[in-house]
Every structure is written in C-alpha cells, then in structure tokens.
N, C-alpha and C. Protein backbone atom coordinates (compact mmCIF):
# COMPACT_ATOMS: atom_id res chain seq x y z
N MET A 1 88.68 73.03 123.15
CA MET A 1 89.06 72.11 124.18
C MET A 1 89.39 70.75 123.54
N PRO A 2 90.64 70.31 123.63
CA PRO A 2 91.03 69.05 123.02
C PRO A 2 90.31 67.88 123.69
N ILE A 3 90.01 66.89 122.88
CA ILE A 3 89.33 65.71 123.39
C ILE A 3 90.37 64.72 123.87
N ASP A 4 90.16 64.17 125.04
CA ASP A 4 91.06 63.18 125.60
C ASP A 4 90.94 61.89 124.78
N PRO A 5 92.05 61.29 124.37
CA PRO A 5 91.98 60.07 123.56
C PRO A 5 91.21 58.93 124.23
N LEU A 6 91.32 58.82 125.53
CA LEU A 6 90.59 57.75 126.23
C LEU A 6 89.09 57.99 126.20
N GLU A 7 88.68 59.26 126.40
CA GLU A 7 87.25 59.57 126.32
C GLU A 7 86.72 59.30 124.92
N GLU A 8 87.50 59.70 123.94
CA GLU A 8 87.08 59.48 122.55
C GLU A 8 86.96 57.98 122.26
N GLN A 9 87.90 57.20 122.80
CA GLN A 9 87.87 55.75 122.60
C GLN A 9 86.62 55.14 123.25
N LEU A 10 86.28 55.59 124.43
CA LEU A 10 85.08 55.07 125.11
C LEU A 10 83.82 55.43 124.33
N GLU A 11 83.75 56.67 123.83
CA GLU A 11 82.58 57.07 123.03
C GLU A 11 82.49 56.23 121.76
N THR A 12 83.64 55.99 121.15
CA THR A 12 83.66 55.18 119.93
C THR A 12 83.19 53.76 120.21
N GLN A 13 83.64 53.19 121.32
CA GLN A 13 83.25 51.82 121.65
C GLN A 13 81.76 51.72 121.94
N GLU A 14 81.21 52.75 122.53
CA GLU A 14 79.77 52.73 122.81
C GLU A 14 78.96 52.87 121.53
N SER A 15 79.42 53.71 120.61
CA SER A 15 78.66 53.92 119.38
C SER A 15 79.00 52.88 118.31
N HIS A 16 80.19 52.30 118.37
CA HIS A 16 80.61 51.30 117.39
C HIS A 16 80.88 49.99 118.12
N LYS A 17 79.95 49.07 118.07
CA LYS A 17 80.08 47.81 118.79
C LYS A 17 81.26 46.98 118.27
N GLY A 18 81.59 47.12 116.99
CA GLY A 18 82.70 46.37 116.42
C GLY A 18 84.05 46.83 116.92
N ALA A 19 84.11 47.97 117.62
CA ALA A 19 85.38 48.51 118.10
C ALA A 19 85.77 47.92 119.45
N ALA A 20 84.95 47.06 120.02
CA ALA A 20 85.22 46.51 121.34
C ALA A 20 86.54 45.74 121.38
N MET A 21 86.94 45.14 120.29
CA MET A 21 88.18 44.36 120.27
C MET A 21 89.41 45.24 120.43
N PHE A 22 89.28 46.54 120.21
CA PHE A 22 90.41 47.45 120.35
C PHE A 22 90.52 48.04 121.76
N LYS A 23 89.64 47.66 122.63
CA LYS A 23 89.65 48.18 124.00
C LYS A 23 90.94 47.73 124.69
N ASN A 24 91.59 48.68 125.37
CA ASN A 24 92.83 48.46 126.10
C ASN A 24 93.98 47.99 125.21
N LYS A 25 93.95 48.33 123.94
CA LYS A 25 95.03 48.01 123.01
C LYS A 25 95.78 49.30 122.71
N SER A 26 97.10 49.19 122.58
CA SER A 26 97.87 50.39 122.25
C SER A 26 97.82 50.62 120.74
N LEU A 27 97.84 51.87 120.37
CA LEU A 27 97.82 52.25 118.96
C LEU A 27 99.26 52.57 118.55
N PRO A 28 99.82 51.78 117.64
CA PRO A 28 101.22 52.03 117.25
C PRO A 28 101.37 53.42 116.64
N HIS A 29 102.46 54.08 116.99
CA HIS A 29 102.80 55.39 116.43
C HIS A 29 101.75 56.46 116.75
N PHE A 30 101.02 56.31 117.83
CA PHE A 30 99.97 57.27 118.17
C PHE A 30 100.53 58.68 118.32
N GLU A 31 101.66 58.81 119.00
CA GLU A 31 102.24 60.13 119.25
C GLU A 31 102.65 60.81 117.94
N LYS A 32 103.24 60.04 117.03
CA LYS A 32 103.65 60.62 115.74
C LYS A 32 102.43 61.03 114.92
N LEU A 33 101.41 60.20 114.92
CA LEU A 33 100.19 60.54 114.19
C LEU A 33 99.52 61.77 114.79
N LEU A 34 99.59 61.89 116.08
CA LEU A 34 99.00 63.04 116.76
C LEU A 34 99.69 64.33 116.31
N ILE A 35 101.00 64.28 116.17
CA ILE A 35 101.75 65.46 115.72
C ILE A 35 101.39 65.79 114.27
N ILE A 36 101.30 64.76 113.43
CA ILE A 36 101.01 64.98 112.00
C ILE A 36 99.62 65.56 111.79
N PHE A 37 98.63 65.01 112.47
CA PHE A 37 97.24 65.39 112.23
C PHE A 37 96.68 66.31 113.31
N GLU A 38 97.54 66.98 114.05
CA GLU A 38 97.08 67.81 115.16
C GLU A 38 96.14 68.91 114.71
N ARG A 39 96.46 69.59 113.60
CA ARG A 39 95.62 70.70 113.15
C ARG A 39 94.23 70.20 112.76
N ASP A 40 94.17 69.13 111.97
CA ASP A 40 92.88 68.59 111.55
C ASP A 40 92.10 68.04 112.74
N ARG A 41 92.81 67.49 113.70
CA ARG A 41 92.14 66.92 114.86
C ARG A 41 91.47 68.02 115.69
N ALA A 42 92.13 69.17 115.78
CA ALA A 42 91.60 70.24 116.62
C ALA A 42 90.32 70.83 116.03
N THR A 43 90.23 70.93 114.72
CA THR A 43 89.06 71.58 114.11
C THR A 43 88.31 70.63 113.18
N ARG A 44 88.52 69.38 113.33
CA ARG A 44 87.93 68.31 112.50
C ARG A 44 88.67 68.23 111.17
N ARG A 45 88.44 67.20 110.48
CA ARG A 45 89.19 66.88 109.27
C ARG A 45 89.00 67.93 108.18
N ASN A 46 90.14 68.40 107.63
CA ASN A 46 90.18 69.36 106.52
C ASN A 46 89.40 70.65 106.79
N ALA A 47 89.20 70.97 108.03
CA ALA A 47 88.46 72.20 108.35
C ALA A 47 89.36 73.41 108.10
N GLN A 48 88.76 74.49 107.58
CA GLN A 48 89.48 75.72 107.33
C GLN A 48 88.67 76.88 107.91
N THR A 49 89.39 77.85 108.39
CA THR A 49 88.70 79.04 108.88
C THR A 49 88.43 79.95 107.69
N ALA A 50 87.60 80.94 107.90
CA ALA A 50 87.27 81.89 106.83
C ALA A 50 88.53 82.62 106.37
N THR A 51 89.42 82.93 107.29
CA THR A 51 90.67 83.62 106.95
C THR A 51 91.51 82.77 106.00
N ASP A 52 91.58 81.46 106.28
CA ASP A 52 92.34 80.57 105.40
C ASP A 52 91.77 80.56 103.99
N VAL A 53 90.46 80.53 103.87
CA VAL A 53 89.80 80.50 102.57
C VAL A 53 90.08 81.78 101.80
N VAL A 54 89.97 82.94 102.47
CA VAL A 54 90.21 84.23 101.81
C VAL A 54 91.66 84.32 101.35
N GLU A 55 92.60 83.92 102.19
CA GLU A 55 94.02 83.95 101.81
C GLU A 55 94.28 83.06 100.59
N GLU A 56 93.67 81.89 100.57
CA GLU A 56 93.85 80.97 99.45
C GLU A 56 93.29 81.55 98.16
N LEU A 57 92.12 82.18 98.24
CA LEU A 57 91.51 82.80 97.06
C LEU A 57 92.37 83.95 96.54
N ASN A 58 92.89 84.78 97.43
CA ASN A 58 93.76 85.89 97.03
C ASN A 58 95.03 85.37 96.35
N LYS A 59 95.57 84.29 96.88
CA LYS A 59 96.78 83.71 96.30
C LYS A 59 96.49 83.21 94.88
N GLU A 60 95.34 82.59 94.67
CA GLU A 60 94.97 82.08 93.34
C GLU A 60 94.77 83.23 92.36
N VAL A 61 94.16 84.35 92.80
CA VAL A 61 93.94 85.49 91.93
C VAL A 61 95.28 86.08 91.51
N LYS A 62 96.23 86.21 92.43
CA LYS A 62 97.55 86.74 92.11
C LYS A 62 98.27 85.84 91.11
N GLU A 63 98.17 84.54 91.29
CA GLU A 63 98.83 83.60 90.39
C GLU A 63 98.23 83.68 88.99
N CYS A 64 96.92 83.84 88.90
CA CYS A 64 96.25 83.88 87.60
C CYS A 64 96.54 85.18 86.86
N SER A 65 96.78 86.26 87.58
CA SER A 65 97.00 87.55 86.93
C SER A 65 98.41 87.67 86.35
N SER A 66 99.31 86.82 86.72
CA SER A 66 100.68 86.87 86.22
C SER A 66 100.74 86.35 84.79
N GLN A 67 101.49 87.11 83.90
CA GLN A 67 101.61 86.68 82.50
C GLN A 67 102.47 85.42 82.39
N ARG A 68 103.51 85.35 83.21
CA ARG A 68 104.36 84.17 83.18
C ARG A 68 103.53 82.92 83.50
N ARG A 69 102.63 83.06 84.42
CA ARG A 69 101.79 81.93 84.80
C ARG A 69 100.91 81.51 83.63
N ARG A 70 100.41 82.49 82.88
CA ARG A 70 99.56 82.17 81.73
C ARG A 70 100.36 81.40 80.68
N ARG A 71 101.59 81.83 80.46
CA ARG A 71 102.42 81.12 79.48
C ARG A 71 102.65 79.68 79.93
N ARG A 72 102.94 79.52 81.19
CA ARG A 72 103.15 78.17 81.70
C ARG A 72 101.88 77.34 81.55
N ARG A 73 100.77 77.96 81.86
CA ARG A 73 99.51 77.23 81.79
C ARG A 73 99.22 76.83 80.34
N SER A 74 99.42 77.74 79.38
CA SER A 74 99.16 77.38 77.98
C SER A 74 100.15 76.31 77.54
N HIS A 75 101.39 76.38 78.02
CA HIS A 75 102.37 75.36 77.68
C HIS A 75 101.96 74.02 78.28
N SER A 76 101.49 74.05 79.52
CA SER A 76 101.05 72.80 80.14
C SER A 76 99.80 72.27 79.45
N ASN A 77 98.93 73.18 78.97
CA ASN A 77 97.76 72.74 78.22
C ASN A 77 98.18 72.09 76.91
N ASP A 78 99.21 72.68 76.26
CA ASP A 78 99.73 72.08 75.03
C ASP A 78 100.26 70.68 75.30
N ASN A 79 100.98 70.54 76.41
CA ASN A 79 101.50 69.21 76.77
C ASN A 79 100.35 68.23 77.01
N LEU A 80 99.32 68.70 77.68
CA LEU A 80 98.17 67.84 77.96
C LEU A 80 97.48 67.43 76.66
N LEU A 81 97.28 68.40 75.76
CA LEU A 81 96.65 68.09 74.48
C LEU A 81 97.50 67.12 73.67
N GLU A 82 98.80 67.32 73.71
CA GLU A 82 99.71 66.42 72.99
C GLU A 82 99.64 65.01 73.57
N ALA A 83 99.58 64.92 74.89
CA ALA A 83 99.48 63.60 75.54
C ALA A 83 98.16 62.92 75.18
N ILE A 84 97.08 63.68 75.18
CA ILE A 84 95.77 63.12 74.81
C ILE A 84 95.79 62.65 73.36
N LYS A 85 96.43 63.43 72.50
CA LYS A 85 96.53 63.06 71.08
C LYS A 85 97.31 61.75 70.93
N GLU A 86 98.43 61.63 71.66
CA GLU A 86 99.24 60.41 71.59
C GLU A 86 98.45 59.20 72.08
N VAL A 87 97.72 59.38 73.17
CA VAL A 87 96.90 58.28 73.70
C VAL A 87 95.84 57.88 72.69
N GLY A 88 95.22 58.86 72.06
CA GLY A 88 94.20 58.57 71.05
C GLY A 88 94.76 57.80 69.87
N LEU A 89 95.94 58.21 69.41
CA LEU A 89 96.57 57.51 68.29
C LEU A 89 96.95 56.08 68.67
N ALA A 90 97.50 55.91 69.87
CA ALA A 90 97.87 54.57 70.33
C ALA A 90 96.63 53.68 70.45
N LEU A 91 95.57 54.25 70.98
CA LEU A 91 94.32 53.51 71.12
C LEU A 91 93.77 53.13 69.75
N GLY A 92 93.86 54.04 68.80
CA GLY A 92 93.41 53.77 67.44
C GLY A 92 94.19 52.62 66.81
N ARG A 93 95.53 52.62 67.02
CA ARG A 93 96.35 51.52 66.48
C ARG A 93 95.95 50.19 67.09
N GLU A 94 95.74 50.18 68.41
CA GLU A 94 95.35 48.93 69.09
C GLU A 94 94.00 48.43 68.58
N ILE A 95 93.06 49.34 68.39
CA ILE A 95 91.73 48.95 67.89
C ILE A 95 91.86 48.38 66.49
N LYS A 96 92.70 49.00 65.67
CA LYS A 96 92.88 48.52 64.29
C LYS A 96 93.47 47.12 64.29
N GLU A 97 94.51 46.89 65.11
CA GLU A 97 95.13 45.57 65.19
C GLU A 97 94.13 44.52 65.69
N SER A 98 93.37 44.88 66.71
CA SER A 98 92.38 43.95 67.25
C SER A 98 91.31 43.62 66.23
N THR A 99 90.90 44.62 65.46
CA THR A 99 89.89 44.40 64.43
C THR A 99 90.41 43.45 63.36
N ILE A 100 91.67 43.61 62.98
CA ILE A 100 92.27 42.72 61.97
C ILE A 100 92.31 41.29 62.50
N LYS A 101 92.74 41.13 63.76
CA LYS A 101 92.79 39.78 64.36
C LYS A 101 91.41 39.17 64.44
N LEU A 102 90.44 39.96 64.85
CA LEU A 102 89.07 39.46 64.97
C LEU A 102 88.52 39.07 63.61
N THR A 103 88.80 39.87 62.60
CA THR A 103 88.33 39.56 61.24
C THR A 103 88.94 38.26 60.75
N LYS A 104 90.24 38.07 61.01
CA LYS A 104 90.89 36.82 60.60
C LYS A 104 90.27 35.63 61.33
N ALA A 105 90.04 35.78 62.63
CA ALA A 105 89.45 34.68 63.41
C ALA A 105 88.05 34.36 62.90
N MET A 106 87.27 35.40 62.63
CA MET A 106 85.92 35.17 62.12
C MET A 106 85.97 34.55 60.73
N GLY A 107 86.93 34.97 59.93
CA GLY A 107 87.08 34.39 58.60
C GLY A 107 87.41 32.92 58.67
N TYR A 108 88.25 32.54 59.63
CA TYR A 108 88.60 31.13 59.83
C TYR A 108 87.35 30.35 60.23
N ASP A 109 86.57 30.89 61.16
CA ASP A 109 85.34 30.23 61.58
C ASP A 109 84.36 30.07 60.43
N VAL A 110 84.28 31.08 59.58
CA VAL A 110 83.38 31.01 58.42
C VAL A 110 83.85 29.90 57.48
N ALA A 111 85.15 29.81 57.26
CA ALA A 111 85.69 28.77 56.37
C ALA A 111 85.41 27.39 56.94
N VAL A 112 85.58 27.22 58.24
CA VAL A 112 85.31 25.92 58.88
C VAL A 112 83.83 25.59 58.77
N ALA A 113 82.97 26.57 58.98
CA ALA A 113 81.52 26.35 58.88
C ALA A 113 81.14 25.96 57.45
N GLU A 114 81.74 26.61 56.47
CA GLU A 114 81.46 26.26 55.07
C GLU A 114 81.93 24.84 54.77
N ASN A 115 83.07 24.47 55.33
CA ASN A 115 83.57 23.10 55.13
C ASN A 115 82.65 22.08 55.77
N ARG A 116 82.09 22.40 56.92
CA ARG A 116 81.14 21.47 57.57
C ARG A 116 79.95 21.19 56.66
N VAL A 117 79.48 22.22 55.99
CA VAL A 117 78.35 22.05 55.08
C VAL A 117 78.76 21.16 53.90
N ARG A 118 79.99 21.28 53.47
CA ARG A 118 80.47 20.52 52.31
C ARG A 118 80.83 19.08 52.63
N ILE A 119 80.90 18.70 53.91
CA ILE A 119 81.29 17.33 54.28
C ILE A 119 80.35 16.31 53.64
N ASN A 120 79.06 16.54 53.77
CA ASN A 120 78.09 15.59 53.22
C ASN A 120 78.20 15.54 51.70
N GLU A 121 78.41 16.69 51.07
CA GLU A 121 78.56 16.72 49.61
C GLU A 121 79.77 15.88 49.17
N GLU A 122 80.87 16.02 49.92
CA GLU A 122 82.08 15.26 49.59
C GLU A 122 81.87 13.77 49.84
N SER A 123 81.17 13.43 50.93
CA SER A 123 80.97 12.01 51.23
C SER A 123 80.00 11.34 50.25
N LEU A 124 79.15 12.13 49.60
CA LEU A 124 78.27 11.58 48.55
C LEU A 124 79.07 11.07 47.36
N LYS A 125 80.25 11.62 47.17
CA LYS A 125 81.11 11.22 46.05
C LYS A 125 81.82 9.89 46.29
N LEU A 126 81.72 9.38 47.54
CA LEU A 126 82.42 8.14 47.88
C LEU A 126 81.50 6.95 47.61
N PRO A 127 81.78 6.14 46.60
CA PRO A 127 80.86 5.08 46.18
C PRO A 127 80.79 3.88 47.13
N THR A 128 81.82 3.63 47.90
CA THR A 128 81.85 2.42 48.74
C THR A 128 81.23 2.62 50.11
N ILE A 129 80.65 3.77 50.38
CA ILE A 129 80.09 4.07 51.70
C ILE A 129 78.58 4.11 51.60
N SER A 130 77.92 3.41 52.54
CA SER A 130 76.45 3.39 52.55
C SER A 130 75.91 4.71 53.10
N MET A 131 74.59 4.89 52.97
CA MET A 131 73.95 6.12 53.45
C MET A 131 74.15 6.27 54.96
N PHE A 132 73.95 5.18 55.72
CA PHE A 132 74.10 5.23 57.17
C PHE A 132 75.55 5.59 57.55
N GLU A 133 76.52 4.97 56.89
CA GLU A 133 77.93 5.26 57.16
C GLU A 133 78.26 6.71 56.80
N ARG A 134 77.69 7.20 55.72
CA ARG A 134 77.93 8.58 55.28
C ARG A 134 77.44 9.56 56.34
N HIS A 135 76.21 9.33 56.86
CA HIS A 135 75.66 10.24 57.88
C HIS A 135 76.48 10.17 59.17
N LYS A 136 76.85 8.97 59.57
CA LYS A 136 77.64 8.80 60.79
C LYS A 136 79.01 9.48 60.62
N ALA A 137 79.63 9.30 59.47
CA ALA A 137 80.93 9.93 59.21
C ALA A 137 80.81 11.45 59.17
N THR A 138 79.74 11.95 58.55
CA THR A 138 79.53 13.40 58.48
C THR A 138 79.43 13.99 59.88
N LEU A 139 78.66 13.35 60.75
CA LEU A 139 78.54 13.85 62.13
C LEU A 139 79.87 13.78 62.86
N GLN A 140 80.59 12.69 62.69
CA GLN A 140 81.85 12.51 63.39
C GLN A 140 82.91 13.52 62.91
N ILE A 141 82.96 13.77 61.64
CA ILE A 141 83.94 14.72 61.09
C ILE A 141 83.57 16.15 61.49
N ALA A 142 82.29 16.47 61.48
CA ALA A 142 81.86 17.84 61.77
C ALA A 142 82.04 18.22 63.23
N ARG A 143 82.15 17.23 64.13
CA ARG A 143 82.29 17.53 65.57
C ARG A 143 83.61 18.22 65.90
N ASP A 144 84.65 17.97 65.13
CA ASP A 144 85.98 18.48 65.45
C ASP A 144 86.51 19.32 64.29
N GLN A 145 86.94 20.55 64.60
CA GLN A 145 87.43 21.45 63.55
C GLN A 145 88.67 20.90 62.85
N GLU A 146 89.58 20.32 63.64
CA GLU A 146 90.81 19.79 63.05
C GLU A 146 90.50 18.63 62.10
N THR A 147 89.57 17.78 62.51
CA THR A 147 89.18 16.66 61.64
C THR A 147 88.54 17.18 60.36
N THR A 148 87.71 18.21 60.49
CA THR A 148 87.05 18.80 59.32
C THR A 148 88.09 19.36 58.36
N VAL A 149 89.04 20.11 58.88
CA VAL A 149 90.09 20.70 58.03
C VAL A 149 90.91 19.58 57.38
N PHE A 150 91.25 18.55 58.17
CA PHE A 150 92.06 17.45 57.65
C PHE A 150 91.31 16.68 56.55
N PHE A 151 90.01 16.48 56.73
CA PHE A 151 89.20 15.75 55.75
C PHE A 151 89.33 16.37 54.36
N PHE A 152 89.39 17.68 54.29
CA PHE A 152 89.46 18.35 52.99
C PHE A 152 90.87 18.41 52.42
N THR A 153 91.86 17.98 53.19
CA THR A 153 93.23 17.92 52.66
C THR A 153 93.56 16.55 52.09
N ILE A 154 92.72 15.56 52.37
CA ILE A 154 92.96 14.20 51.88
C ILE A 154 92.62 14.13 50.39
N ALA A 155 93.42 13.38 49.65
CA ALA A 155 93.17 13.19 48.22
C ALA A 155 91.85 12.43 48.03
N ASP A 156 91.15 12.72 46.95
CA ASP A 156 89.83 12.12 46.71
C ASP A 156 89.87 10.59 46.68
N ASP A 157 90.93 10.00 46.11
CA ASP A 157 90.98 8.54 46.03
C ASP A 157 91.26 7.89 47.38
N GLU A 158 91.72 8.65 48.39
CA GLU A 158 92.00 8.11 49.73
C GLU A 158 90.86 8.36 50.71
N LYS A 159 89.91 9.22 50.38
CA LYS A 159 88.86 9.61 51.33
C LYS A 159 88.00 8.43 51.76
N ALA A 160 87.64 7.53 50.86
CA ALA A 160 86.78 6.40 51.21
C ALA A 160 87.46 5.52 52.25
N LYS A 161 88.75 5.20 52.06
CA LYS A 161 89.48 4.38 53.02
C LYS A 161 89.60 5.11 54.36
N TRP A 162 89.86 6.42 54.30
CA TRP A 162 90.01 7.21 55.54
C TRP A 162 88.70 7.23 56.32
N VAL A 163 87.56 7.41 55.63
CA VAL A 163 86.25 7.44 56.30
C VAL A 163 85.95 6.09 56.92
N LYS A 164 86.24 4.99 56.22
CA LYS A 164 86.03 3.64 56.78
C LYS A 164 86.87 3.46 58.04
N ALA A 165 88.12 3.90 58.01
CA ALA A 165 89.00 3.79 59.19
C ALA A 165 88.47 4.65 60.34
N LEU A 166 87.95 5.81 60.02
CA LEU A 166 87.38 6.69 61.05
C LEU A 166 86.17 6.03 61.70
N LEU A 167 85.32 5.40 60.90
CA LEU A 167 84.12 4.74 61.43
C LEU A 167 84.49 3.51 62.27
N ARG A 168 85.57 2.82 61.92
CA ARG A 168 86.01 1.66 62.70
C ARG A 168 86.66 2.10 64.01
N GLY A 169 87.08 3.36 64.09
CA GLY A 169 87.75 3.86 65.30
C GLY A 169 89.25 3.76 65.20
N ASP A 170 89.77 3.47 64.03
CA ASP A 170 91.22 3.38 63.84
C ASP A 170 91.88 4.76 63.86
N ILE A 171 91.11 5.79 63.61
CA ILE A 171 91.65 7.16 63.57
C ILE A 171 91.13 7.93 64.76
C-alpha cells in the first residue's frame, strides 16, 4: 500500500521538529523524483527481493565462468598493477625531490647557526670595539639571518666601521 505524501509529511513533521519550516511548501520536481525513485520508495531504499538476489548471483557465476571474461579481468588487473606501479614511481620521485629540498634548507639553517656562533669570535678580532659594544653588536647581528650572512661577507678591515655604524643605528 503506497504511502500518501501528505501523510508521510505529517509523520515526518511530528517526528522531526526541524521539518516544521517545510510545512505547506511545494517540493520542486516532486513528480519527476517520484518516477525515478518509485521502485525504492515502494519497498524502501535499495530493497531487493530474494528473486532479485538469486538472479544477480546466477548472472555473476555465468560471467565468471566465461574464459573471455577471465582474459579481460587479467588484462584489467595488469592495467591496475601498471597504474599502481606508475603512482608508486611518481610518489618516489616526489619524495626524493622533497628530501633534497629539505636537506638543502636544513643545510642552510646549519650554516647560519654556525655563523651565529662565529659572530663573537669575529668581533673579538676588532680592536676598536669595547666588550660592551661587542656583546651588543653580537646580539644585534645574530637576530637577523640576512645581517648575519652579510656580516661574514664584509672585508676584515671594514668590519669595525660597519659594527660601529650598526650600533649607532646608521645601518
């Protein structure tokens, strides 16, 4: 016995309080949806009778017993294995490239960290800078990676003047 859409709507509204806003509203394309889902609606969603299940099983057994089907299946399995192999190789290449980039980035960070340690050693070589100025300059240079890298590119005879200018705020 088919359920009347209005009765179903009333039952839904009673059991689902949030559905009250849909009361007395038209459902677009209701007639077309009813035609499309009529079979599932009559016996509930995706319901199958025992006869349908037996017919489907018999159809699968017949398909599996065919030699042509086996050849197709092995061919499709070969295609699947080939696709998996290609994906694995592509993934391997991407991992390798990412590892190289990460290693370079980490190597750069290691070099910058080593240079930070050497800042104080280099500033000890500057005779015109006091201990307080040396410590202040070391902290100021170490705060910025670009400044640290630049500090080590300056010629030794120019470093004292550059550090004095940095401490004055000229740089």
